[in-house]
Amino acid sequence: MNEAYRLDQTTLKVLSVSGSLDGRATPEQVNENAKYLPADTVFVEIEGGNHTQFGWIDPSPYPYPYLELDNPATITIEDQQKQIVQATTCFLNQFNPPASSHPPMRKH
């Protein structure tokens, strides 16, 4: 691990979304590298998700040789993408104060 990429000593808020069947960034690798992330990192593992379905990539025939190392997903790409959006939205909502706390907008 390049020390320049370590985030564990920062105050950054981090979300790590992974797939339980990811053959490229395996659950074991995600767990092993968690030590390089802040202690309050939010980890979300998508059950049945794989590496390929983090993008809209046609895996057959494998257009990208590195995807051959991936495992087949047991959920649809639509389900995995929906869960990615949900996890990201929930994570980002912590930075969005309730609407009632916003000062009124001035009219120009």
PDB file of N, CA and C in Angstrom:
ATOM      1  N   MET A   1       0.844  -1.182   0.000  1.00  0.00           N
ATOM      2  CA  MET A   1       0.000   0.000   0.000  1.00  0.00           C
ATOM      3  C   MET A   1       0.883   1.238   0.000  1.00  0.00           C
ATOM      4  N   ASN A   2       0.636   2.133  -0.922  1.00  0.00           N
ATOM      5  CA  ASN A   2       1.339   3.401  -0.985  1.00  0.00           C
ATOM      6  C   ASN A   2       0.847   4.281   0.157  1.00  0.00           C
ATOM      7  N   GLU A   3       1.747   4.740   0.995  1.00  0.00           N
ATOM      8  CA  GLU A   3       1.382   5.535   2.167  1.00  0.00           C
ATOM      9  C   GLU A   3       0.606   6.799   1.785  1.00  0.00           C
ATOM     10  N   ALA A   4       0.830   7.315   0.582  1.00  0.00           N
ATOM     11  CA  ALA A   4       0.135   8.525   0.141  1.00  0.00           C
ATOM     12  C   ALA A   4      -1.364   8.302  -0.009  1.00  0.00           C
ATOM     13  N   TYR A   5      -1.785   7.061  -0.150  1.00  0.00           N
ATOM     14  CA  TYR A   5      -3.202   6.754  -0.337  1.00  0.00           C
ATOM     15  C   TYR A   5      -3.925   6.387   0.952  1.00  0.00           C
ATOM     16  N   ARG A   6      -3.237   6.414   2.058  1.00  0.00           N
ATOM     17  CA  ARG A   6      -3.862   6.082   3.334  1.00  0.00           C
ATOM     18  C   ARG A   6      -4.820   7.188   3.745  1.00  0.00           C
ATOM     19  N   LEU A   7      -6.000   6.798   4.185  1.00  0.00           N
ATOM     20  CA  LEU A   7      -6.999   7.768   4.639  1.00  0.00           C
ATOM     21  C   LEU A   7      -7.301   7.639   6.121  1.00  0.00           C
ATOM     22  N   ASP A   8      -6.662   6.669   6.783  1.00  0.00           N
ATOM     23  CA  ASP A   8      -6.992   6.381   8.178  1.00  0.00           C
ATOM     24  C   ASP A   8      -6.637   7.504   9.137  1.00  0.00           C
ATOM     25  N   GLN A   9      -5.771   8.415   8.765  1.00  0.00           N
ATOM     26  CA  GLN A   9      -5.405   9.518   9.645  1.00  0.00           C
ATOM     27  C   GLN A   9      -6.064  10.826   9.211  1.00  0.00           C
ATOM     28  N   THR A  10      -7.083  10.726   8.361  1.00  0.00           N
ATOM     29  CA  THR A  10      -7.784  11.918   7.900  1.00  0.00           C
ATOM     30  C   THR A  10      -9.144  12.025   8.585  1.00  0.00           C
ATOM     31  N   THR A  11      -9.797  13.143   8.369  1.00  0.00           N
ATOM     32  CA  THR A  11     -11.145  13.339   8.897  1.00  0.00           C
ATOM     33  C   THR A  11     -12.193  13.158   7.799  1.00  0.00           C
ATOM     34  N   LEU A  12     -11.771  12.596   6.683  1.00  0.00           N
ATOM     35  CA  LEU A  12     -12.698  12.363   5.585  1.00  0.00           C
ATOM     36  C   LEU A  12     -13.789  11.385   5.990  1.00  0.00           C
ATOM     37  N   LYS A  13     -14.970  11.578   5.445  1.00  0.00           N
ATOM     38  CA  LYS A  13     -16.067  10.630   5.612  1.00  0.00           C
ATOM     39  C   LYS A  13     -16.007   9.693   4.406  1.00  0.00           C
ATOM     40  N   VAL A  14     -16.002   8.397   4.652  1.00  0.00           N
ATOM     41  CA  VAL A  14     -15.788   7.418   3.595  1.00  0.00           C
ATOM     42  C   VAL A  14     -16.900   6.378   3.585  1.00  0.00           C
ATOM     43  N   LEU A  15     -17.352   6.057   2.379  1.00  0.00           N
ATOM     44  CA  LEU A  15     -18.300   4.976   2.145  1.00  0.00           C
ATOM     45  C   LEU A  15     -17.600   3.939   1.286  1.00  0.00           C
ATOM     46  N   SER A  16     -17.625   2.692   1.709  1.00  0.00           N
ATOM     47  CA  SER A  16     -17.064   1.587   0.937  1.00  0.00           C
ATOM     48  C   SER A  16     -18.204   0.651   0.566  1.00  0.00           C
ATOM     49  N   VAL A  17     -18.491   0.568  -0.738  1.00  0.00           N
ATOM     50  CA  VAL A  17     -19.546  -0.309  -1.228  1.00  0.00           C
ATOM     51  C   VAL A  17     -18.882  -1.432  -2.007  1.00  0.00           C
ATOM     52  N   SER A  18     -19.213  -2.657  -1.658  1.00  0.00           N
ATOM     53  CA  SER A  18     -18.587  -3.810  -2.311  1.00  0.00           C
ATOM     54  C   SER A  18     -19.631  -4.884  -2.562  1.00  0.00           C
ATOM     55  N   GLY A  19     -19.253  -5.865  -3.365  1.00  0.00           N
ATOM     56  CA  GLY A  19     -20.136  -6.987  -3.654  1.00  0.00           C
ATOM     57  C   GLY A  19     -19.634  -8.243  -2.964  1.00  0.00           C
ATOM     58  N   SER A  20     -20.546  -9.026  -2.445  1.00  0.00           N
ATOM     59  CA  SER A  20     -20.157 -10.248  -1.730  1.00  0.00           C
ATOM     60  C   SER A  20     -19.517 -11.280  -2.655  1.00  0.00           C
ATOM     61  N   LEU A  21     -19.761 -11.169  -3.958  1.00  0.00           N
ATOM     62  CA  LEU A  21     -19.202 -12.126  -4.923  1.00  0.00           C
ATOM     63  C   LEU A  21     -18.148 -11.482  -5.825  1.00  0.00           C
ATOM     64  N   ASP A  22     -17.641 -10.331  -5.414  1.00  0.00           N
ATOM     65  CA  ASP A  22     -16.648  -9.617  -6.221  1.00  0.00           C
ATOM     66  C   ASP A  22     -15.368 -10.435  -6.315  1.00  0.00           C
ATOM     67  N   GLY A  23     -14.962 -10.737  -7.529  1.00  0.00           N
ATOM     68  CA  GLY A  23     -13.737 -11.504  -7.741  1.00  0.00           C
ATOM     69  C   GLY A  23     -12.510 -10.635  -7.947  1.00  0.00           C
ATOM     70  N   ARG A  24     -12.700  -9.313  -8.070  1.00  0.00           N
ATOM     71  CA  ARG A  24     -11.586  -8.384  -8.278  1.00  0.00           C
ATOM     72  C   ARG A  24     -11.198  -7.688  -6.976  1.00  0.00           C
ATOM     73  N   ALA A  25     -12.177  -7.197  -6.252  1.00  0.00           N
ATOM     74  CA  ALA A  25     -11.952  -6.603  -4.932  1.00  0.00           C
ATOM     75  C   ALA A  25     -12.746  -7.489  -3.966  1.00  0.00           C
ATOM     76  N   THR A  26     -12.151  -8.599  -3.630  1.00  0.00           N
ATOM     77  CA  THR A  26     -12.845  -9.622  -2.845  1.00  0.00           C
ATOM     78  C   THR A  26     -13.204  -9.105  -1.452  1.00  0.00           C
ATOM     79  N   PRO A  27     -14.214  -9.708  -0.827  1.00  0.00           N
ATOM     80  CA  PRO A  27     -14.543  -9.314   0.543  1.00  0.00           C
ATOM     81  C   PRO A  27     -13.333  -9.410   1.481  1.00  0.00           C
ATOM     82  N   GLU A  28     -12.493 -10.387   1.260  1.00  0.00           N
ATOM     83  CA  GLU A  28     -11.289 -10.531   2.092  1.00  0.00           C
ATOM     84  C   GLU A  28     -10.351  -9.336   1.889  1.00  0.00           C
ATOM     85  N   GLN A  29     -10.189  -8.897   0.644  1.00  0.00           N
ATOM     86  CA  GLN A  29      -9.342  -7.737   0.361  1.00  0.00           C
ATOM     87  C   GLN A  29      -9.938  -6.460   0.948  1.00  0.00           C
ATOM     88  N   VAL A  30     -11.255  -6.313   0.846  1.00  0.00           N
ATOM     89  CA  VAL A  30     -11.922  -5.144   1.413  1.00  0.00           C
ATOM     90  C   VAL A  30     -11.675  -5.114   2.925  1.00  0.00           C
ATOM     91  N   ASN A  31     -11.846  -6.249   3.588  1.00  0.00           N
ATOM     92  CA  ASN A  31     -11.605  -6.321   5.040  1.00  0.00           C
ATOM     93  C   ASN A  31     -10.146  -6.040   5.378  1.00  0.00           C
ATOM     94  N   GLU A  32      -9.234  -6.600   4.603  1.00  0.00           N
ATOM     95  CA  GLU A  32      -7.802  -6.407   4.864  1.00  0.00           C
ATOM     96  C   GLU A  32      -7.400  -4.943   4.705  1.00  0.00           C
ATOM     97  N   ASN A  33      -7.973  -4.256   3.729  1.00  0.00           N
ATOM     98  CA  ASN A  33      -7.591  -2.862   3.455  1.00  0.00           C
ATOM     99  C   ASN A  33      -8.381  -1.854   4.277  1.00  0.00           C
ATOM    100  N   ALA A  34      -9.345  -2.317   5.071  1.00  0.00           N
ATOM    101  CA  ALA A  34     -10.127  -1.410   5.905  1.00  0.00           C
ATOM    102  C   ALA A  34      -9.240  -0.632   6.879  1.00  0.00           C
ATOM    103  N   LYS A  35      -8.116  -1.184   7.250  1.00  0.00           N
ATOM    104  CA  LYS A  35      -7.219  -0.509   8.190  1.00  0.00           C
ATOM    105  C   LYS A  35      -6.654   0.787   7.618  1.00  0.00           C
ATOM    106  N   TYR A  36      -6.736   0.972   6.318  1.00  0.00           N
ATOM    107  CA  TYR A  36      -6.236   2.187   5.679  1.00  0.00           C
ATOM    108  C   TYR A  36      -7.313   3.257   5.548  1.00  0.00           C
ATOM    109  N   LEU A  37      -8.507   2.966   6.057  1.00  0.00           N
ATOM    110  CA  LEU A  37      -9.632   3.900   5.994  1.00  0.00           C
ATOM    111  C   LEU A  37      -9.944   4.421   7.388  1.00  0.00           C
ATOM    112  N   PRO A  38     -10.624   5.573   7.487  1.00  0.00           N
ATOM    113  CA  PRO A  38     -10.981   6.103   8.807  1.00  0.00           C
ATOM    114  C   PRO A  38     -11.817   5.096   9.600  1.00  0.00           C
ATOM    115  N   ALA A  39     -11.700   5.176  10.907  1.00  0.00           N
ATOM    116  CA  ALA A  39     -12.407   4.230  11.787  1.00  0.00           C
ATOM    117  C   ALA A  39     -13.920   4.291  11.622  1.00  0.00           C
ATOM    118  N   ASP A  40     -14.445   5.452  11.214  1.00  0.00           N
ATOM    119  CA  ASP A  40     -15.901   5.581  11.080  1.00  0.00           C
ATOM    120  C   ASP A  40     -16.385   5.342   9.644  1.00  0.00           C
ATOM    121  N   THR A  41     -15.560   4.695   8.835  1.00  0.00           N
ATOM    122  CA  THR A  41     -15.962   4.359   7.474  1.00  0.00           C
ATOM    123  C   THR A  41     -17.234   3.516   7.501  1.00  0.00           C
ATOM    124  N   VAL A  42     -18.133   3.812   6.593  1.00  0.00           N
ATOM    125  CA  VAL A  42     -19.369   3.045   6.464  1.00  0.00           C
ATOM    126  C   VAL A  42     -19.131   1.980   5.397  1.00  0.00           C
ATOM    127  N   PHE A  43     -19.292   0.724   5.770  1.00  0.00           N
ATOM    128  CA  PHE A  43     -19.106  -0.394   4.851  1.00  0.00           C
ATOM    129  C   PHE A  43     -20.462  -0.979   4.494  1.00  0.00           C
ATOM    130  N   VAL A  44     -20.706  -1.118   3.185  1.00  0.00           N
ATOM    131  CA  VAL A  44     -21.930  -1.740   2.700  1.00  0.00           C
ATOM    132  C   VAL A  44     -21.527  -2.847   1.738  1.00  0.00           C
ATOM    133  N   GLU A  45     -21.933  -4.067   2.055  1.00  0.00           N
ATOM    134  CA  GLU A  45     -21.669  -5.192   1.158  1.00  0.00           C
ATOM    135  C   GLU A  45     -22.989  -5.598   0.513  1.00  0.00           C
ATOM    136  N   ILE A  46     -22.996  -5.600  -0.805  1.00  0.00           N
ATOM    137  CA  ILE A  46     -24.191  -5.972  -1.544  1.00  0.00           C
ATOM    138  C   ILE A  46     -24.187  -7.487  -1.728  1.00  0.00           C
ATOM    139  N   GLU A  47     -25.123  -8.134  -1.055  1.00  0.00           N
ATOM    140  CA  GLU A  47     -25.216  -9.598  -1.109  1.00  0.00           C
ATOM    141  C   GLU A  47     -25.566 -10.027  -2.533  1.00  0.00           C
ATOM    142  N   GLY A  48     -24.723 -10.880  -3.103  1.00  0.00           N
ATOM    143  CA  GLY A  48     -24.948 -11.386  -4.457  1.00  0.00           C
ATOM    144  C   GLY A  48     -24.382 -10.510  -5.551  1.00  0.00           C
ATOM    145  N   GLY A  49     -23.807  -9.366  -5.170  1.00  0.00           N
ATOM    146  CA  GLY A  49     -23.238  -8.445  -6.155  1.00  0.00           C
ATOM    147  C   GLY A  49     -21.815  -8.828  -6.526  1.00  0.00           C
ATOM    148  N   ASN A  50     -21.416  -8.478  -7.747  1.00  0.00           N
ATOM    149  CA  ASN A  50     -20.046  -8.752  -8.186  1.00  0.00           C
ATOM    150  C   ASN A  50     -19.383  -7.480  -8.691  1.00  0.00           C
ATOM    151  N   HIS A  51     -18.168  -7.592  -9.208  1.00  0.00           N
ATOM    152  CA  HIS A  51     -17.390  -6.444  -9.666  1.00  0.00           C
ATOM    153  C   HIS A  51     -17.963  -5.864 -10.958  1.00  0.00           C
ATOM    154  N   THR A  52     -18.303  -6.738 -11.882  1.00  0.00           N
ATOM    155  CA  THR A  52     -18.766  -6.314 -13.205  1.00  0.00           C
ATOM    156  C   THR A  52     -20.001  -5.434 -13.115  1.00  0.00           C
ATOM    157  N   GLN A  53     -20.899  -5.746 -12.205  1.00  0.00           N
ATOM    158  CA  GLN A  53     -22.168  -5.031 -12.137  1.00  0.00           C
ATOM    159  C   GLN A  53     -22.086  -3.685 -11.426  1.00  0.00           C
ATOM    160  N   PHE A  54     -20.879  -3.247 -11.050  1.00  0.00           N
ATOM    161  CA  PHE A  54     -20.732  -1.879 -10.557  1.00  0.00           C
ATOM    162  C   PHE A  54     -20.768  -0.902 -11.724  1.00  0.00           C
ATOM    163  N   GLY A  55     -20.674  -1.419 -12.927  1.00  0.00           N
ATOM    164  CA  GLY A  55     -20.826  -0.626 -14.145  1.00  0.00           C
ATOM    165  C   GLY A  55     -21.781  -1.355 -15.059  1.00  0.00           C
ATOM    166  N   TRP A  56     -22.166  -0.739 -16.142  1.00  0.00           N
ATOM    167  CA  TRP A  56     -23.057  -1.373 -17.126  1.00  0.00           C
ATOM    168  C   TRP A  56     -22.175  -1.973 -18.200  1.00  0.00           C
ATOM    169  N   ILE A  57     -21.539  -3.094 -17.881  1.00  0.00           N
ATOM    170  CA  ILE A  57     -20.581  -3.754 -18.768  1.00  0.00           C
ATOM    171  C   ILE A  57     -21.165  -5.079 -19.219  1.00  0.00           C
ATOM    172  N   ASP A  58     -21.128  -5.335 -20.525  1.00  0.00           N
ATOM    173  CA  ASP A  58     -21.567  -6.628 -21.039  1.00  0.00           C
ATOM    174  C   ASP A  58     -20.427  -7.618 -20.805  1.00  0.00           C
ATOM    175  N   PRO A  59     -20.606  -8.570 -19.899  1.00  0.00           N
ATOM    176  CA  PRO A  59     -19.510  -9.470 -19.545  1.00  0.00           C
ATOM    177  C   PRO A  59     -19.312 -10.645 -20.500  1.00  0.00           C
ATOM    178  N   SER A  60     -20.153 -10.787 -21.537  1.00  0.00           N
ATOM    179  CA  SER A  60     -19.985 -11.955 -22.402  1.00  0.00           C
ATOM    180  C   SER A  60     -20.063 -11.562 -23.869  1.00  0.00           C
ATOM    181  N   PRO A  61     -19.123 -11.899 -24.700  1.00  0.00           N
ATOM    182  CA  PRO A  61     -17.857 -12.469 -24.220  1.00  0.00           C
ATOM    183  C   PRO A  61     -17.070 -11.391 -23.497  1.00  0.00           C
ATOM    184  N   TYR A  62     -16.194 -11.812 -22.618  1.00  0.00           N
ATOM    185  CA  TYR A  62     -15.464 -10.847 -21.806  1.00  0.00           C
ATOM    186  C   TYR A  62     -14.700  -9.865 -22.688  1.00  0.00           C
ATOM    187  N   PRO A  63     -15.178  -8.608 -22.723  1.00  0.00           N
ATOM    188  CA  PRO A  63     -14.459  -7.615 -23.517  1.00  0.00           C
ATOM    189  C   PRO A  63     -13.202  -7.117 -22.805  1.00  0.00           C
ATOM    190  N   TYR A  64     -13.153  -7.333 -21.503  1.00  0.00           N
ATOM    191  CA  TYR A  64     -12.024  -6.880 -20.704  1.00  0.00           C
ATOM    192  C   TYR A  64     -11.460  -8.082 -19.965  1.00  0.00           C
ATOM    193  N   PRO A  65     -10.244  -8.494 -20.301  1.00  0.00           N
ATOM    194  CA  PRO A  65      -9.688  -9.715 -19.684  1.00  0.00           C
ATOM    195  C   PRO A  65      -9.712  -9.723 -18.152  1.00  0.00           C
ATOM    196  N   TYR A  66      -9.568  -8.559 -17.518  1.00  0.00           N
ATOM    197  CA  TYR A  66      -9.548  -8.565 -16.055  1.00  0.00           C
ATOM    198  C   TYR A  66     -10.891  -8.985 -15.459  1.00  0.00           C
ATOM    199  N   LEU A  67     -11.979  -8.879 -16.221  1.00  0.00           N
ATOM    200  CA  LEU A  67     -13.282  -9.292 -15.697  1.00  0.00           C
ATOM    201  C   LEU A  67     -13.430 -10.807 -15.645  1.00  0.00           C
ATOM    202  N   GLU A  68     -12.546 -11.516 -16.332  1.00  0.00           N
ATOM    203  CA  GLU A  68     -12.596 -12.975 -16.268  1.00  0.00           C
ATOM    204  C   GLU A  68     -12.365 -13.478 -14.847  1.00  0.00           C
ATOM    205  N   LEU A  69     -11.720 -12.668 -14.035  1.00  0.00           N
ATOM    206  CA  LEU A  69     -11.460 -13.049 -12.645  1.00  0.00           C
ATOM    207  C   LEU A  69     -12.668 -12.817 -11.742  1.00  0.00           C
ATOM    208  N   ASP A  70     -13.706 -12.179 -12.273  1.00  0.00           N
ATOM    209  CA  ASP A  70     -14.890 -11.901 -11.474  1.00  0.00           C
ATOM    210  C   ASP A  70     -15.737 -13.157 -11.322  1.00  0.00           C
ATOM    211  N   ASN A  71     -16.594 -13.151 -10.323  1.00  0.00           N
ATOM    212  CA  ASN A  71     -17.533 -14.248 -10.094  1.00  0.00           C
ATOM    213  C   ASN A  71     -18.903 -13.867 -10.641  1.00  0.00           C
ATOM    214  N   PRO A  72     -19.713 -14.844 -11.004  1.00  0.00           N
ATOM    215  CA  PRO A  72     -21.067 -14.530 -11.459  1.00  0.00           C
ATOM    216  C   PRO A  72     -21.892 -13.942 -10.311  1.00  0.00           C
ATOM    217  N   ALA A  73     -22.680 -12.939 -10.618  1.00  0.00           N
ATOM    218  CA  ALA A  73     -23.577 -12.343  -9.626  1.00  0.00           C
ATOM    219  C   ALA A  73     -24.816 -13.223  -9.481  1.00  0.00           C
ATOM    220  N   THR A  74     -25.427 -13.153  -8.316  1.00  0.00           N
ATOM    221  CA  THR A  74     -26.676 -13.886  -8.104  1.00  0.00           C
ATOM    222  C   THR A  74     -27.865 -12.933  -8.025  1.00  0.00           C
ATOM    223  N   ILE A  75     -27.616 -11.638  -8.270  1.00  0.00           N
ATOM    224  CA  ILE A  75     -28.674 -10.644  -8.359  1.00  0.00           C
ATOM    225  C   ILE A  75     -28.552  -9.971  -9.719  1.00  0.00           C
ATOM    226  N   THR A  76     -29.605  -9.303 -10.143  1.00  0.00           N
ATOM    227  CA  THR A  76     -29.569  -8.623 -11.431  1.00  0.00           C
ATOM    228  C   THR A  76     -28.741  -7.347 -11.341  1.00  0.00           C
ATOM    229  N   ILE A  77     -28.286  -6.893 -12.492  1.00  0.00           N
ATOM    230  CA  ILE A  77     -27.542  -5.637 -12.528  1.00  0.00           C
ATOM    231  C   ILE A  77     -28.422  -4.485 -12.043  1.00  0.00           C
ATOM    232  N   GLU A  78     -29.707  -4.533 -12.374  1.00  0.00           N
ATOM    233  CA  GLU A  78     -30.627  -3.480 -11.919  1.00  0.00           C
ATOM    234  C   GLU A  78     -30.725  -3.451 -10.399  1.00  0.00           C
ATOM    235  N   ASP A  79     -30.796  -4.630  -9.778  1.00  0.00           N
ATOM    236  CA  ASP A  79     -30.864  -4.699  -8.317  1.00  0.00           C
ATOM    237  C   ASP A  79     -29.566  -4.188  -7.692  1.00  0.00           C
ATOM    238  N   GLN A  80     -28.434  -4.592  -8.249  1.00  0.00           N
ATOM    239  CA  GLN A  80     -27.158  -4.135  -7.694  1.00  0.00           C
ATOM    240  C   GLN A  80     -27.028  -2.623  -7.838  1.00  0.00           C
ATOM    241  N   GLN A  81     -27.360  -2.082  -8.995  1.00  0.00           N
ATOM    242  CA  GLN A  81     -27.272  -0.639  -9.200  1.00  0.00           C
ATOM    243  C   GLN A  81     -28.219   0.104  -8.250  1.00  0.00           C
ATOM    244  N   LYS A  82     -29.407  -0.435  -8.033  1.00  0.00           N
ATOM    245  CA  LYS A  82     -30.366   0.179  -7.103  1.00  0.00           C
ATOM    246  C   LYS A  82     -29.785   0.216  -5.689  1.00  0.00           C
ATOM    247  N   GLN A  83     -29.151  -0.867  -5.268  1.00  0.00           N
ATOM    248  CA  GLN A  83     -28.560  -0.916  -3.928  1.00  0.00           C
ATOM    249  C   GLN A  83     -27.370   0.038  -3.798  1.00  0.00           C
ATOM    250  N   ILE A  84     -26.609   0.195  -4.869  1.00  0.00           N
ATOM    251  CA  ILE A  84     -25.492   1.150  -4.856  1.00  0.00           C
ATOM    252  C   ILE A  84     -26.025   2.564  -4.655  1.00  0.00           C
ATOM    253  N   VAL A  85     -27.075   2.913  -5.405  1.00  0.00           N
ATOM    254  CA  VAL A  85     -27.680   4.247  -5.285  1.00  0.00           C
ATOM    255  C   VAL A  85     -28.256   4.449  -3.892  1.00  0.00           C
ATOM    256  N   GLN A  86     -28.941   3.444  -3.356  1.00  0.00           N
ATOM    257  CA  GLN A  86     -29.521   3.555  -2.014  1.00  0.00           C
ATOM    258  C   GLN A  86     -28.434   3.779  -0.958  1.00  0.00           C
ATOM    259  N   ALA A  87     -27.360   3.005  -1.041  1.00  0.00           N
ATOM    260  CA  ALA A  87     -26.274   3.138  -0.060  1.00  0.00           C
ATOM    261  C   ALA A  87     -25.634   4.526  -0.157  1.00  0.00           C
ATOM    262  N   THR A  88     -25.417   4.983  -1.372  1.00  0.00           N
ATOM    263  CA  THR A  88     -24.798   6.290  -1.578  1.00  0.00           C
ATOM    264  C   THR A  88     -25.715   7.407  -1.092  1.00  0.00           C
ATOM    265  N   THR A  89     -27.000   7.300  -1.395  1.00  0.00           N
ATOM    266  CA  THR A  89     -27.967   8.310  -0.968  1.00  0.00           C
ATOM    267  C   THR A  89     -28.041   8.378   0.556  1.00  0.00           C
ATOM    268  N   CYS A  90     -28.137   7.231   1.202  1.00  0.00           N
ATOM    269  CA  CYS A  90     -28.178   7.199   2.674  1.00  0.00           C
ATOM    270  C   CYS A  90     -26.921   7.826   3.265  1.00  0.00           C
ATOM    271  N   PHE A  91     -25.775   7.499   2.691  1.00  0.00           N
ATOM    272  CA  PHE A  91     -24.506   8.042   3.181  1.00  0.00           C
ATOM    273  C   PHE A  91     -24.484   9.559   3.022  1.00  0.00           C
ATOM    274  N   LEU A  92     -24.883  10.058   1.857  1.00  0.00           N
ATOM    275  CA  LEU A  92     -24.836  11.500   1.595  1.00  0.00           C
ATOM    276  C   LEU A  92     -25.859  12.276   2.412  1.00  0.00           C
ATOM    277  N   ASN A  93     -26.955  11.640   2.800  1.00  0.00           N
ATOM    278  CA  ASN A  93     -27.975  12.330   3.589  1.00  0.00           C
ATOM    279  C   ASN A  93     -27.448  12.828   4.924  1.00  0.00           C
ATOM    280  N   GLN A  94     -26.392  12.236   5.447  1.00  0.00           N
ATOM    281  CA  GLN A  94     -25.842  12.709   6.715  1.00  0.00           C
ATOM    282  C   GLN A  94     -25.263  14.118   6.597  1.00  0.00           C
ATOM    283  N   PHE A  95     -24.968  14.541   5.378  1.00  0.00           N
ATOM    284  CA  PHE A  95     -24.395  15.866   5.156  1.00  0.00           C
ATOM    285  C   PHE A  95     -25.462  16.897   4.787  1.00  0.00           C
ATOM    286  N   ASN A  96     -26.704  16.477   4.736  1.00  0.00           N
ATOM    287  CA  ASN A  96     -27.806  17.324   4.298  1.00  0.00           C
ATOM    288  C   ASN A  96     -28.654  17.691   5.510  1.00  0.00           C
ATOM    289  N   PRO A  97     -28.499  18.913   6.031  1.00  0.00           N
ATOM    290  CA  PRO A  97     -29.294  19.276   7.211  1.00  0.00           C
ATOM    291  C   PRO A  97     -30.775  19.328   6.864  1.00  0.00           C
ATOM    292  N   PRO A  98     -31.634  19.148   7.860  1.00  0.00           N
ATOM    293  CA  PRO A  98     -33.078  19.227   7.604  1.00  0.00           C
ATOM    294  C   PRO A  98     -33.427  20.567   6.955  1.00  0.00           C
ATOM    295  N   ALA A  99     -34.431  20.562   6.094  1.00  0.00           N
ATOM    296  CA  ALA A  99     -34.824  21.769   5.361  1.00  0.00           C
ATOM    297  C   ALA A  99     -35.176  22.914   6.307  1.00  0.00           C
ATOM    298  N   SER A 100     -35.734  22.605   7.462  1.00  0.00           N
ATOM    299  CA  SER A 100     -36.144  23.660   8.397  1.00  0.00           C
ATOM    300  C   SER A 100     -34.953  24.420   8.977  1.00  0.00           C
ATOM    301  N   SER A 101     -33.737  23.878   8.876  1.00  0.00           N
ATOM    302  CA  SER A 101     -32.576  24.564   9.441  1.00  0.00           C
ATOM    303  C   SER A 101     -31.935  25.535   8.456  1.00  0.00           C
ATOM    304  N   HIS A 102     -32.421  25.532   7.217  1.00  0.00           N
ATOM    305  CA  HIS A 102     -31.882  26.465   6.223  1.00  0.00           C
ATOM    306  C   HIS A 102     -32.470  27.858   6.453  1.00  0.00           C
ATOM    307  N   PRO A 103     -31.646  28.902   6.375  1.00  0.00           N
ATOM    308  CA  PRO A 103     -32.221  30.247   6.481  1.00  0.00           C
ATOM    309  C   PRO A 103     -33.086  30.528   5.256  1.00  0.00           C
ATOM    310  N   PRO A 104     -34.071  31.391   5.391  1.00  0.00           N
ATOM    311  CA  PRO A 104     -34.919  31.699   4.231  1.00  0.00           C
ATOM    312  C   PRO A 104     -34.083  32.315   3.110  1.00  0.00           C
ATOM    313  N   MET A 105     -34.474  31.998   1.900  1.00  0.00           N
ATOM    314  CA  MET A 105     -33.764  32.559   0.744  1.00  0.00           C
ATOM    315  C   MET A 105     -34.195  34.012   0.546  1.00  0.00           C
ATOM    316  N   ARG A 106     -33.234  34.839   0.200  1.00  0.00           N
ATOM    317  CA  ARG A 106     -33.546  36.255  -0.068  1.00  0.00           C
ATOM    318  C   ARG A 106     -34.058  36.391  -1.489  1.00  0.00           C
ATOM    319  N   LYS A 107     -34.990  37.284  -1.663  1.00  0.00           N
ATOM    320  CA  LYS A 107     -35.486  37.587  -2.996  1.00  0.00           C
ATOM    321  C   LYS A 107     -34.595  38.660  -3.587  1.00  0.00           C
ATOM    322  N   HIS A 108     -34.304  38.523  -4.851  1.00  0.00           N
ATOM    323  CA  HIS A 108     -33.455  39.514  -5.532  1.00  0.00           C
ATOM    324  C   HIS A 108     -34.278  40.512  -6.267  1.00  0.00           C
TER     325      HIS A 108
END
